[in-house]
Amino acid sequence: MTKADIVSEIAKSTGVEKVQVQAIVEAFMESIKTSLTNNNNNVYLRGFGSFIVKKRATKVARNISKNTTITIPEHNIPAFKPAKSFAAKVK
Protein backbone atom coordinates (compact mmCIF):
# COMPACT_ATOMS: atom_id res chain seq x y z
CA MET A 1 0.00 0.00 0.00
CA THR A 2 1.42 3.37 -0.99
CA LYS A 3 0.85 6.80 0.51
CA ALA A 4 -1.55 7.59 -2.35
CA ASP A 5 -3.56 4.47 -1.50
CA ILE A 6 -3.73 5.51 2.15
CA VAL A 7 -4.91 8.99 1.18
CA SER A 8 -7.58 7.51 -1.10
CA GLU A 9 -8.82 5.13 1.62
CA ILE A 10 -9.06 7.88 4.23
CA ALA A 11 -10.78 10.26 1.81
CA LYS A 12 -13.29 7.56 0.84
CA SER A 13 -14.09 6.56 4.43
CA THR A 14 -14.33 10.12 5.85
CA GLY A 15 -15.75 12.03 2.91
CA VAL A 16 -12.98 14.65 3.13
CA GLU A 17 -11.30 15.83 -0.08
CA LYS A 18 -8.10 14.07 -1.11
CA VAL A 19 -6.12 17.32 -1.12
CA GLN A 20 -6.94 17.96 2.54
CA VAL A 21 -6.22 14.35 3.52
CA GLN A 22 -2.89 14.51 1.64
CA ALA A 23 -1.91 17.63 3.63
CA ILE A 24 -2.85 15.97 6.92
CA VAL A 25 -0.93 12.77 6.14
CA GLU A 26 2.13 14.80 5.08
CA ALA A 27 1.95 16.90 8.27
CA PHE A 28 1.63 13.75 10.40
CA MET A 29 4.67 12.13 8.83
CA GLU A 30 6.68 15.36 9.02
CA SER A 31 5.90 15.75 12.73
CA ILE A 32 7.11 12.19 13.39
CA LYS A 33 10.30 12.80 11.40
CA THR A 34 10.95 16.08 13.21
CA SER A 35 10.39 14.53 16.61
CA LEU A 36 12.75 11.63 15.90
CA THR A 37 15.52 13.70 14.28
CA ASN A 38 15.67 16.89 16.33
CA ASN A 39 14.72 15.82 19.81
CA ASN A 40 15.35 12.07 19.68
CA ASN A 41 11.88 11.77 21.24
CA ASN A 42 9.98 8.58 20.59
CA VAL A 43 6.41 8.78 19.24
CA TYR A 44 3.87 6.50 20.91
CA LEU A 45 0.51 5.74 19.25
CA ARG A 46 -1.53 3.63 21.62
CA GLY A 47 -3.02 0.55 19.98
CA PHE A 48 -0.85 1.00 16.86
CA GLY A 49 2.82 1.13 17.82
CA SER A 50 5.86 3.27 18.57
CA PHE A 51 8.28 5.10 16.33
CA ILE A 52 11.57 4.93 18.20
CA VAL A 53 15.22 5.85 17.78
CA LYS A 54 17.59 2.89 18.23
CA LYS A 55 21.28 3.34 18.92
CA ARG A 56 23.58 1.04 16.96
CA ALA A 57 26.93 0.30 18.58
CA THR A 58 30.30 0.69 16.87
CA LYS A 59 31.24 -2.41 14.90
CA VAL A 60 33.97 -3.74 12.66
CA ALA A 61 33.00 -4.82 9.14
CA ARG A 62 34.90 -6.15 6.13
CA ASN A 63 35.13 -4.80 2.61
CA ILE A 64 35.31 -8.11 0.75
CA SER A 65 36.40 -6.67 -2.61
CA LYS A 66 39.42 -4.85 -1.11
CA ASN A 67 39.99 -7.37 1.69
CA THR A 68 40.15 -4.64 4.33
CA THR A 69 38.38 -4.00 7.60
CA ILE A 70 36.50 -0.82 8.34
CA THR A 71 34.99 0.55 11.54
CA ILE A 72 31.37 1.62 11.40
CA PRO A 73 30.81 4.29 14.07
CA GLU A 74 27.98 4.35 16.58
CA HIS A 75 24.82 5.80 15.03
CA ASN A 76 21.07 6.16 15.53
CA ILE A 77 18.43 4.63 13.28
CA PRO A 78 14.63 5.04 13.21
CA ALA A 79 12.55 1.96 13.95
CA PHE A 80 8.91 0.98 14.39
CA LYS A 81 7.70 -1.34 17.14
CA PRO A 82 4.07 -2.46 16.73
CA ALA A 83 1.71 -2.61 19.71
CA LYS A 84 0.99 -6.06 21.12
CA SER A 85 -2.68 -5.94 20.07
CA PHE A 86 -1.72 -4.86 16.53
CA ALA A 87 0.94 -7.56 16.21
CA ALA A 88 -1.53 -10.19 17.45
CA LYS A 89 -4.03 -9.20 14.74
CA VAL A 90 -1.40 -9.54 12.03
CA LYS A 91 -0.37 -13.00 13.21
PDB file of N, CA and C in Angstrom:
ATOM      1  N   MET A   1       0.849  -1.171   0.000  1.00  0.00           N
ATOM      2  CA  MET A   1       0.000   0.000   0.000  1.00  0.00           C
ATOM      3  C   MET A   1       0.897   1.238   0.000  1.00  0.00           C
ATOM      4  N   THR A   2       0.632   2.150  -0.888  1.00  0.00           N
ATOM      5  CA  THR A   2       1.417   3.370  -0.989  1.00  0.00           C
ATOM      6  C   THR A   2       0.729   4.514  -0.242  1.00  0.00           C
ATOM      7  N   LYS A   3       1.429   5.642  -0.157  1.00  0.00           N
ATOM      8  CA  LYS A   3       0.851   6.805   0.507  1.00  0.00           C
ATOM      9  C   LYS A   3      -0.399   7.273  -0.238  1.00  0.00           C
ATOM     10  N   ALA A   4      -0.382   7.200  -1.557  1.00  0.00           N
ATOM     11  CA  ALA A   4      -1.552   7.593  -2.347  1.00  0.00           C
ATOM     12  C   ALA A   4      -2.741   6.688  -2.047  1.00  0.00           C
ATOM     13  N   ASP A   5      -2.492   5.404  -1.857  1.00  0.00           N
ATOM     14  CA  ASP A   5      -3.560   4.465  -1.498  1.00  0.00           C
ATOM     15  C   ASP A   5      -4.144   4.798  -0.130  1.00  0.00           C
ATOM     16  N   ILE A   6      -3.268   5.144   0.807  1.00  0.00           N
ATOM     17  CA  ILE A   6      -3.725   5.510   2.153  1.00  0.00           C
ATOM     18  C   ILE A   6      -4.590   6.763   2.088  1.00  0.00           C
ATOM     19  N   VAL A   7      -4.142   7.755   1.330  1.00  0.00           N
ATOM     20  CA  VAL A   7      -4.909   8.991   1.184  1.00  0.00           C
ATOM     21  C   VAL A   7      -6.272   8.697   0.566  1.00  0.00           C
ATOM     22  N   SER A   8      -6.315   7.857  -0.449  1.00  0.00           N
ATOM     23  CA  SER A   8      -7.581   7.505  -1.098  1.00  0.00           C
ATOM     24  C   SER A   8      -8.519   6.796  -0.131  1.00  0.00           C
ATOM     25  N   GLU A   9      -8.000   5.859   0.646  1.00  0.00           N
ATOM     26  CA  GLU A   9      -8.823   5.130   1.617  1.00  0.00           C
ATOM     27  C   GLU A   9      -9.407   6.065   2.671  1.00  0.00           C
ATOM     28  N   ILE A  10      -8.586   6.957   3.198  1.00  0.00           N
ATOM     29  CA  ILE A  10      -9.064   7.884   4.230  1.00  0.00           C
ATOM     30  C   ILE A  10     -10.095   8.834   3.647  1.00  0.00           C
ATOM     31  N   ALA A  11      -9.836   9.347   2.448  1.00  0.00           N
ATOM     32  CA  ALA A  11     -10.781  10.255   1.807  1.00  0.00           C
ATOM     33  C   ALA A  11     -12.117   9.567   1.552  1.00  0.00           C
ATOM     34  N   LYS A  12     -12.058   8.311   1.119  1.00  0.00           N
ATOM     35  CA  LYS A  12     -13.285   7.557   0.842  1.00  0.00           C
ATOM     36  C   LYS A  12     -14.081   7.288   2.124  1.00  0.00           C
ATOM     37  N   SER A  13     -13.379   6.927   3.199  1.00  0.00           N
ATOM     38  CA  SER A  13     -14.087   6.565   4.431  1.00  0.00           C
ATOM     39  C   SER A  13     -14.578   7.778   5.221  1.00  0.00           C
ATOM     40  N   THR A  14     -13.921   8.938   5.082  1.00  0.00           N
ATOM     41  CA  THR A  14     -14.327  10.116   5.853  1.00  0.00           C
ATOM     42  C   THR A  14     -15.144  11.112   5.052  1.00  0.00           C
ATOM     43  N   GLY A  15     -15.031  11.078   3.729  1.00  0.00           N
ATOM     44  CA  GLY A  15     -15.747  12.034   2.914  1.00  0.00           C
ATOM     45  C   GLY A  15     -15.018  13.361   2.759  1.00  0.00           C
ATOM     46  N   VAL A  16     -13.788  13.440   3.239  1.00  0.00           N
ATOM     47  CA  VAL A  16     -12.979  14.646   3.128  1.00  0.00           C
ATOM     48  C   VAL A  16     -12.240  14.603   1.789  1.00  0.00           C
ATOM     49  N   GLU A  17     -11.976  15.772   1.208  1.00  0.00           N
ATOM     50  CA  GLU A  17     -11.296  15.828  -0.083  1.00  0.00           C
ATOM     51  C   GLU A  17      -9.886  15.279   0.020  1.00  0.00           C
ATOM     52  N   LYS A  18      -9.427  14.673  -1.085  1.00  0.00           N
ATOM     53  CA  LYS A  18      -8.098  14.066  -1.111  1.00  0.00           C
ATOM     54  C   LYS A  18      -6.990  15.070  -0.847  1.00  0.00           C
ATOM     55  N   VAL A  19      -7.148  16.297  -1.312  1.00  0.00           N
ATOM     56  CA  VAL A  19      -6.118  17.318  -1.115  1.00  0.00           C
ATOM     57  C   VAL A  19      -5.924  17.605   0.370  1.00  0.00           C
ATOM     58  N   GLN A  20      -7.015  17.700   1.099  1.00  0.00           N
ATOM     59  CA  GLN A  20      -6.935  17.956   2.541  1.00  0.00           C
ATOM     60  C   GLN A  20      -6.342  16.754   3.273  1.00  0.00           C
ATOM     61  N   VAL A  21      -6.751  15.560   2.898  1.00  0.00           N
ATOM     62  CA  VAL A  21      -6.218  14.346   3.516  1.00  0.00           C
ATOM     63  C   VAL A  21      -4.725  14.233   3.240  1.00  0.00           C
ATOM     64  N   GLN A  22      -4.311  14.544   2.011  1.00  0.00           N
ATOM     65  CA  GLN A  22      -2.894  14.514   1.645  1.00  0.00           C
ATOM     66  C   GLN A  22      -2.092  15.451   2.543  1.00  0.00           C
ATOM     67  N   ALA A  23      -2.601  16.657   2.772  1.00  0.00           N
ATOM     68  CA  ALA A  23      -1.911  17.626   3.625  1.00  0.00           C
ATOM     69  C   ALA A  23      -1.810  17.124   5.063  1.00  0.00           C
ATOM     70  N   ILE A  24      -2.847  16.492   5.549  1.00  0.00           N
ATOM     71  CA  ILE A  24      -2.846  15.967   6.919  1.00  0.00           C
ATOM     72  C   ILE A  24      -1.860  14.821   7.061  1.00  0.00           C
ATOM     73  N   VAL A  25      -1.861  13.901   6.099  1.00  0.00           N
ATOM     74  CA  VAL A  25      -0.932  12.767   6.142  1.00  0.00           C
ATOM     75  C   VAL A  25       0.511  13.260   6.070  1.00  0.00           C
ATOM     76  N   GLU A  26       0.778  14.232   5.190  1.00  0.00           N
ATOM     77  CA  GLU A  26       2.129  14.802   5.079  1.00  0.00           C
ATOM     78  C   GLU A  26       2.553  15.465   6.386  1.00  0.00           C
ATOM     79  N   ALA A  27       1.637  16.226   7.004  1.00  0.00           N
ATOM     80  CA  ALA A  27       1.952  16.900   8.266  1.00  0.00           C
ATOM     81  C   ALA A  27       2.208  15.886   9.377  1.00  0.00           C
ATOM     82  N   PHE A  28       1.435  14.808   9.404  1.00  0.00           N
ATOM     83  CA  PHE A  28       1.625  13.754  10.397  1.00  0.00           C
ATOM     84  C   PHE A  28       3.005  13.122  10.268  1.00  0.00           C
ATOM     85  N   MET A  29       3.372  12.764   9.042  1.00  0.00           N
ATOM     86  CA  MET A  29       4.670  12.129   8.830  1.00  0.00           C
ATOM     87  C   MET A  29       5.814  13.099   9.118  1.00  0.00           C
ATOM     88  N   GLU A  30       5.642  14.356   8.770  1.00  0.00           N
ATOM     89  CA  GLU A  30       6.677  15.356   9.025  1.00  0.00           C
ATOM     90  C   GLU A  30       6.868  15.578  10.521  1.00  0.00           C
ATOM     91  N   SER A  31       5.773  15.564  11.282  1.00  0.00           N
ATOM     92  CA  SER A  31       5.897  15.749  12.731  1.00  0.00           C
ATOM     93  C   SER A  31       6.610  14.561  13.381  1.00  0.00           C
ATOM     94  N   ILE A  32       6.391  13.364  12.882  1.00  0.00           N
ATOM     95  CA  ILE A  32       7.105  12.191  13.391  1.00  0.00           C
ATOM     96  C   ILE A  32       8.583  12.302  13.060  1.00  0.00           C
ATOM     97  N   LYS A  33       8.894  12.652  11.806  1.00  0.00           N
ATOM     98  CA  LYS A  33      10.302  12.798  11.405  1.00  0.00           C
ATOM     99  C   LYS A  33      11.004  13.868  12.232  1.00  0.00           C
ATOM    100  N   THR A  34      10.352  14.989  12.431  1.00  0.00           N
ATOM    101  CA  THR A  34      10.945  16.079  13.206  1.00  0.00           C
ATOM    102  C   THR A  34      11.196  15.653  14.641  1.00  0.00           C
ATOM    103  N   SER A  35      10.237  14.978  15.228  1.00  0.00           N
ATOM    104  CA  SER A  35      10.387  14.528  16.613  1.00  0.00           C
ATOM    105  C   SER A  35      11.545  13.553  16.759  1.00  0.00           C
ATOM    106  N   LEU A  36      11.685  12.628  15.811  1.00  0.00           N
ATOM    107  CA  LEU A  36      12.749  11.634  15.903  1.00  0.00           C
ATOM    108  C   LEU A  36      14.121  12.227  15.599  1.00  0.00           C
ATOM    109  N   THR A  37      14.207  13.167  14.668  1.00  0.00           N
ATOM    110  CA  THR A  37      15.516  13.697  14.283  1.00  0.00           C
ATOM    111  C   THR A  37      16.015  14.780  15.221  1.00  0.00           C
ATOM    112  N   ASN A  38      15.199  15.760  15.537  1.00  0.00           N
ATOM    113  CA  ASN A  38      15.672  16.895  16.330  1.00  0.00           C
ATOM    114  C   ASN A  38      15.788  16.593  17.812  1.00  0.00           C
ATOM    115  N   ASN A  39      14.775  15.995  18.368  1.00  0.00           N
ATOM    116  CA  ASN A  39      14.720  15.822  19.812  1.00  0.00           C
ATOM    117  C   ASN A  39      15.088  14.421  20.273  1.00  0.00           C
ATOM    118  N   ASN A  40      15.187  13.487  19.349  1.00  0.00           N
ATOM    119  CA  ASN A  40      15.345  12.073  19.683  1.00  0.00           C
ATOM    120  C   ASN A  40      14.236  11.607  20.621  1.00  0.00           C
ATOM    121  N   ASN A  41      13.045  12.196  20.461  1.00  0.00           N
ATOM    122  CA  ASN A  41      11.879  11.772  21.236  1.00  0.00           C
ATOM    123  C   ASN A  41      11.145  10.682  20.482  1.00  0.00           C
ATOM    124  N   ASN A  42      10.763   9.655  21.196  1.00  0.00           N
ATOM    125  CA  ASN A  42       9.983   8.584  20.586  1.00  0.00           C
ATOM    126  C   ASN A  42       8.534   9.035  20.443  1.00  0.00           C
ATOM    127  N   VAL A  43       7.814   8.461  19.478  1.00  0.00           N
ATOM    128  CA  VAL A  43       6.413   8.778  19.240  1.00  0.00           C
ATOM    129  C   VAL A  43       5.603   7.530  19.541  1.00  0.00           C
ATOM    130  N   TYR A  44       4.673   7.638  20.486  1.00  0.00           N
ATOM    131  CA  TYR A  44       3.867   6.497  20.912  1.00  0.00           C
ATOM    132  C   TYR A  44       2.423   6.689  20.464  1.00  0.00           C
ATOM    133  N   LEU A  45       1.905   5.737  19.689  1.00  0.00           N
ATOM    134  CA  LEU A  45       0.515   5.744  19.253  1.00  0.00           C
ATOM    135  C   LEU A  45      -0.161   4.514  19.849  1.00  0.00           C
ATOM    136  N   ARG A  46      -0.922   4.727  20.887  1.00  0.00           N
ATOM    137  CA  ARG A  46      -1.533   3.629  21.621  1.00  0.00           C
ATOM    138  C   ARG A  46      -2.421   2.779  20.720  1.00  0.00           C
ATOM    139  N   GLY A  47      -2.239   1.479  20.785  1.00  0.00           N
ATOM    140  CA  GLY A  47      -3.018   0.547  19.982  1.00  0.00           C
ATOM    141  C   GLY A  47      -2.453   0.332  18.587  1.00  0.00           C
ATOM    142  N   PHE A  48      -1.451   1.135  18.184  1.00  0.00           N
ATOM    143  CA  PHE A  48      -0.846   1.000  16.861  1.00  0.00           C
ATOM    144  C   PHE A  48       0.615   0.614  16.973  1.00  0.00           C
ATOM    145  N   GLY A  49       1.403   1.445  17.666  1.00  0.00           N
ATOM    146  CA  GLY A  49       2.820   1.134  17.824  1.00  0.00           C
ATOM    147  C   GLY A  49       3.625   2.367  18.179  1.00  0.00           C
ATOM    148  N   SER A  50       4.945   2.195  18.183  1.00  0.00           N
ATOM    149  CA  SER A  50       5.856   3.269  18.569  1.00  0.00           C
ATOM    150  C   SER A  50       6.913   3.472  17.495  1.00  0.00           C
ATOM    151  N   PHE A  51       7.161   4.726  17.184  1.00  0.00           N
ATOM    152  CA  PHE A  51       8.279   5.095  16.325  1.00  0.00           C
ATOM    153  C   PHE A  51       9.405   5.478  17.277  1.00  0.00           C
ATOM    154  N   ILE A  52      10.502   4.736  17.241  1.00  0.00           N
ATOM    155  CA  ILE A  52      11.570   4.926  18.204  1.00  0.00           C
ATOM    156  C   ILE A  52      12.906   5.147  17.504  1.00  0.00           C
ATOM    157  N   VAL A  53      13.860   5.669  18.270  1.00  0.00           N
ATOM    158  CA  VAL A  53      15.222   5.845  17.782  1.00  0.00           C
ATOM    159  C   VAL A  53      16.074   4.790  18.475  1.00  0.00           C
ATOM    160  N   LYS A  54      16.717   3.928  17.679  1.00  0.00           N
ATOM    161  CA  LYS A  54      17.592   2.895  18.232  1.00  0.00           C
ATOM    162  C   LYS A  54      19.038   3.315  18.025  1.00  0.00           C
ATOM    163  N   LYS A  55      19.861   3.026  19.017  1.00  0.00           N
ATOM    164  CA  LYS A  55      21.276   3.342  18.924  1.00  0.00           C
ATOM    165  C   LYS A  55      22.028   2.079  18.517  1.00  0.00           C
ATOM    166  N   ARG A  56      22.751   2.156  17.422  1.00  0.00           N
ATOM    167  CA  ARG A  56      23.576   1.044  16.963  1.00  0.00           C
ATOM    168  C   ARG A  56      24.996   1.244  17.466  1.00  0.00           C
ATOM    169  N   ALA A  57      25.579   0.223  18.025  1.00  0.00           N
ATOM    170  CA  ALA A  57      26.929   0.297  18.575  1.00  0.00           C
ATOM    171  C   ALA A  57      27.974   0.302  17.461  1.00  0.00           C
ATOM    172  N   THR A  58      29.175   0.734  17.805  1.00  0.00           N
ATOM    173  CA  THR A  58      30.298   0.692  16.874  1.00  0.00           C
ATOM    174  C   THR A  58      30.606  -0.760  16.543  1.00  0.00           C
ATOM    175  N   LYS A  59      30.914  -1.044  15.274  1.00  0.00           N
ATOM    176  CA  LYS A  59      31.243  -2.414  14.903  1.00  0.00           C
ATOM    177  C   LYS A  59      32.300  -2.422  13.809  1.00  0.00           C
ATOM    178  N   VAL A  60      32.938  -3.556  13.674  1.00  0.00           N
ATOM    179  CA  VAL A  60      33.966  -3.743  12.656  1.00  0.00           C
ATOM    180  C   VAL A  60      33.357  -4.579  11.541  1.00  0.00           C
ATOM    181  N   ALA A  61      33.538  -4.109  10.308  1.00  0.00           N
ATOM    182  CA  ALA A  61      33.005  -4.815   9.137  1.00  0.00           C
ATOM    183  C   ALA A  61      34.131  -5.037   8.144  1.00  0.00           C
ATOM    184  N   ARG A  62      33.886  -5.866   7.141  1.00  0.00           N
ATOM    185  CA  ARG A  62      34.900  -6.151   6.127  1.00  0.00           C
ATOM    186  C   ARG A  62      34.429  -5.700   4.765  1.00  0.00           C
ATOM    187  N   ASN A  63      35.345  -5.103   4.015  1.00  0.00           N
ATOM    188  CA  ASN A  63      35.130  -4.803   2.608  1.00  0.00           C
ATOM    189  C   ASN A  63      35.722  -5.986   1.847  1.00  0.00           C
ATOM    190  N   ILE A  64      34.870  -6.859   1.359  1.00  0.00           N
ATOM    191  CA  ILE A  64      35.314  -8.111   0.753  1.00  0.00           C
ATOM    192  C   ILE A  64      36.118  -7.866  -0.517  1.00  0.00           C
ATOM    193  N   SER A  65      35.711  -6.894  -1.334  1.00  0.00           N
ATOM    194  CA  SER A  65      36.402  -6.667  -2.609  1.00  0.00           C
ATOM    195  C   SER A  65      37.832  -6.172  -2.409  1.00  0.00           C
ATOM    196  N   LYS A  66      38.066  -5.361  -1.360  1.00  0.00           N
ATOM    197  CA  LYS A  66      39.422  -4.845  -1.110  1.00  0.00           C
ATOM    198  C   LYS A  66      40.151  -5.634  -0.026  1.00  0.00           C
ATOM    199  N   ASN A  67      39.448  -6.556   0.611  1.00  0.00           N
ATOM    200  CA  ASN A  67      39.992  -7.371   1.689  1.00  0.00           C
ATOM    201  C   ASN A  67      40.556  -6.498   2.821  1.00  0.00           C
ATOM    202  N   THR A  68      39.763  -5.514   3.234  1.00  0.00           N
ATOM    203  CA  THR A  68      40.151  -4.635   4.328  1.00  0.00           C
ATOM    204  C   THR A  68      39.045  -4.607   5.364  1.00  0.00           C
ATOM    205  N   THR A  69      39.388  -4.168   6.552  1.00  0.00           N
ATOM    206  CA  THR A  69      38.384  -4.002   7.598  1.00  0.00           C
ATOM    207  C   THR A  69      38.121  -2.515   7.785  1.00  0.00           C
ATOM    208  N   ILE A  70      36.879  -2.203   8.078  1.00  0.00           N
ATOM    209  CA  ILE A  70      36.500  -0.823   8.343  1.00  0.00           C
ATOM    210  C   ILE A  70      35.717  -0.781   9.648  1.00  0.00           C
ATOM    211  N   THR A  71      35.738   0.361  10.299  1.00  0.00           N
ATOM    212  CA  THR A  71      34.990   0.550  11.538  1.00  0.00           C
ATOM    213  C   THR A  71      33.764   1.400  11.231  1.00  0.00           C
ATOM    214  N   ILE A  72      32.617   0.881  11.573  1.00  0.00           N
ATOM    215  CA  ILE A  72      31.367   1.619  11.402  1.00  0.00           C
ATOM    216  C   ILE A  72      31.066   2.271  12.746  1.00  0.00           C
ATOM    217  N   PRO A  73      30.997   3.606  12.785  1.00  0.00           N
ATOM    218  CA  PRO A  73      30.806   4.292  14.071  1.00  0.00           C
ATOM    219  C   PRO A  73      29.409   4.092  14.641  1.00  0.00           C
ATOM    220  N   GLU A  74      29.269   4.412  15.915  1.00  0.00           N
ATOM    221  CA  GLU A  74      27.979   4.354  16.580  1.00  0.00           C
ATOM    222  C   GLU A  74      27.039   5.345  15.896  1.00  0.00           C
ATOM    223  N   HIS A  75      25.784   4.924  15.675  1.00  0.00           N
ATOM    224  CA  HIS A  75      24.825   5.803  15.032  1.00  0.00           C
ATOM    225  C   HIS A  75      23.403   5.443  15.449  1.00  0.00           C
ATOM    226  N   ASN A  76      22.486   6.362  15.214  1.00  0.00           N
ATOM    227  CA  ASN A  76      21.075   6.156  15.528  1.00  0.00           C
ATOM    228  C   ASN A  76      20.311   5.824  14.256  1.00  0.00           C
ATOM    229  N   ILE A  77      19.303   4.966  14.404  1.00  0.00           N
ATOM    230  CA  ILE A  77      18.431   4.635  13.278  1.00  0.00           C
ATOM    231  C   ILE A  77      16.972   4.690  13.739  1.00  0.00           C
ATOM    232  N   PRO A  78      16.054   5.070  12.847  1.00  0.00           N
ATOM    233  CA  PRO A  78      14.635   5.038  13.214  1.00  0.00           C
ATOM    234  C   PRO A  78      14.111   3.610  13.105  1.00  0.00           C
ATOM    235  N   ALA A  79      13.150   3.298  13.968  1.00  0.00           N
ATOM    236  CA  ALA A  79      12.554   1.960  13.952  1.00  0.00           C
ATOM    237  C   ALA A  79      11.080   2.067  14.351  1.00  0.00           C
ATOM    238  N   PHE A  80      10.322   1.050  14.014  1.00  0.00           N
ATOM    239  CA  PHE A  80       8.913   0.977  14.394  1.00  0.00           C
ATOM    240  C   PHE A  80       8.695  -0.296  15.182  1.00  0.00           C
ATOM    241  N   LYS A  81       8.038  -0.170  16.318  1.00  0.00           N
ATOM    242  CA  LYS A  81       7.702  -1.336  17.136  1.00  0.00           C
ATOM    243  C   LYS A  81       6.179  -1.389  17.258  1.00  0.00           C
ATOM    244  N   PRO A  82       5.535  -2.407  16.677  1.00  0.00           N
ATOM    245  CA  PRO A  82       4.072  -2.464  16.735  1.00  0.00           C
ATOM    246  C   PRO A  82       3.570  -2.773  18.145  1.00  0.00           C
ATOM    247  N   ALA A  83       2.356  -2.310  18.432  1.00  0.00           N
ATOM    248  CA  ALA A  83       1.709  -2.606  19.710  1.00  0.00           C
ATOM    249  C   ALA A  83       1.365  -4.090  19.761  1.00  0.00           C
ATOM    250  N   LYS A  84       1.276  -4.625  20.956  1.00  0.00           N
ATOM    251  CA  LYS A  84       0.989  -6.060  21.115  1.00  0.00           C
ATOM    252  C   LYS A  84      -0.339  -6.436  20.468  1.00  0.00           C
ATOM    253  N   SER A  85      -1.366  -5.619  20.653  1.00  0.00           N
ATOM    254  CA  SER A  85      -2.678  -5.942  20.073  1.00  0.00           C
ATOM    255  C   SER A  85      -2.622  -5.904  18.544  1.00  0.00           C
ATOM    256  N   PHE A  86      -1.871  -4.962  17.983  1.00  0.00           N
ATOM    257  CA  PHE A  86      -1.719  -4.860  16.526  1.00  0.00           C
ATOM    258  C   PHE A  86      -0.948  -6.057  15.985  1.00  0.00           C
ATOM    259  N   ALA A  87       0.138  -6.422  16.648  1.00  0.00           N
ATOM    260  CA  ALA A  87       0.937  -7.560  16.213  1.00  0.00           C
ATOM    261  C   ALA A  87       0.138  -8.855  16.282  1.00  0.00           C
ATOM    262  N   ALA A  88      -0.716  -8.979  17.309  1.00  0.00           N
ATOM    263  CA  ALA A  88      -1.527 -10.187  17.450  1.00  0.00           C
ATOM    264  C   ALA A  88      -2.529 -10.301  16.294  1.00  0.00           C
ATOM    265  N   LYS A  89      -3.078  -9.173  15.849  1.00  0.00           N
ATOM    266  CA  LYS A  89      -4.033  -9.201  14.739  1.00  0.00           C
ATOM    267  C   LYS A  89      -3.370  -9.617  13.437  1.00  0.00           C
ATOM    268  N   VAL A  90      -2.123  -9.195  13.242  1.00  0.00           N
ATOM    269  CA  VAL A  90      -1.396  -9.538  12.025  1.00  0.00           C
ATOM    270  C   VAL A  90      -1.069 -11.011  11.993  1.00  0.00           C
ATOM    271  N   LYS A  91      -0.713 -11.568  13.140  1.00  0.00           N
ATOM    272  CA  LYS A  91      -0.368 -12.996  13.210  1.00  0.00           C
ATOM    273  C   LYS A  91      -1.596 -13.807  12.928  1.00  0.00           C
TER     274      LYS A  91
END
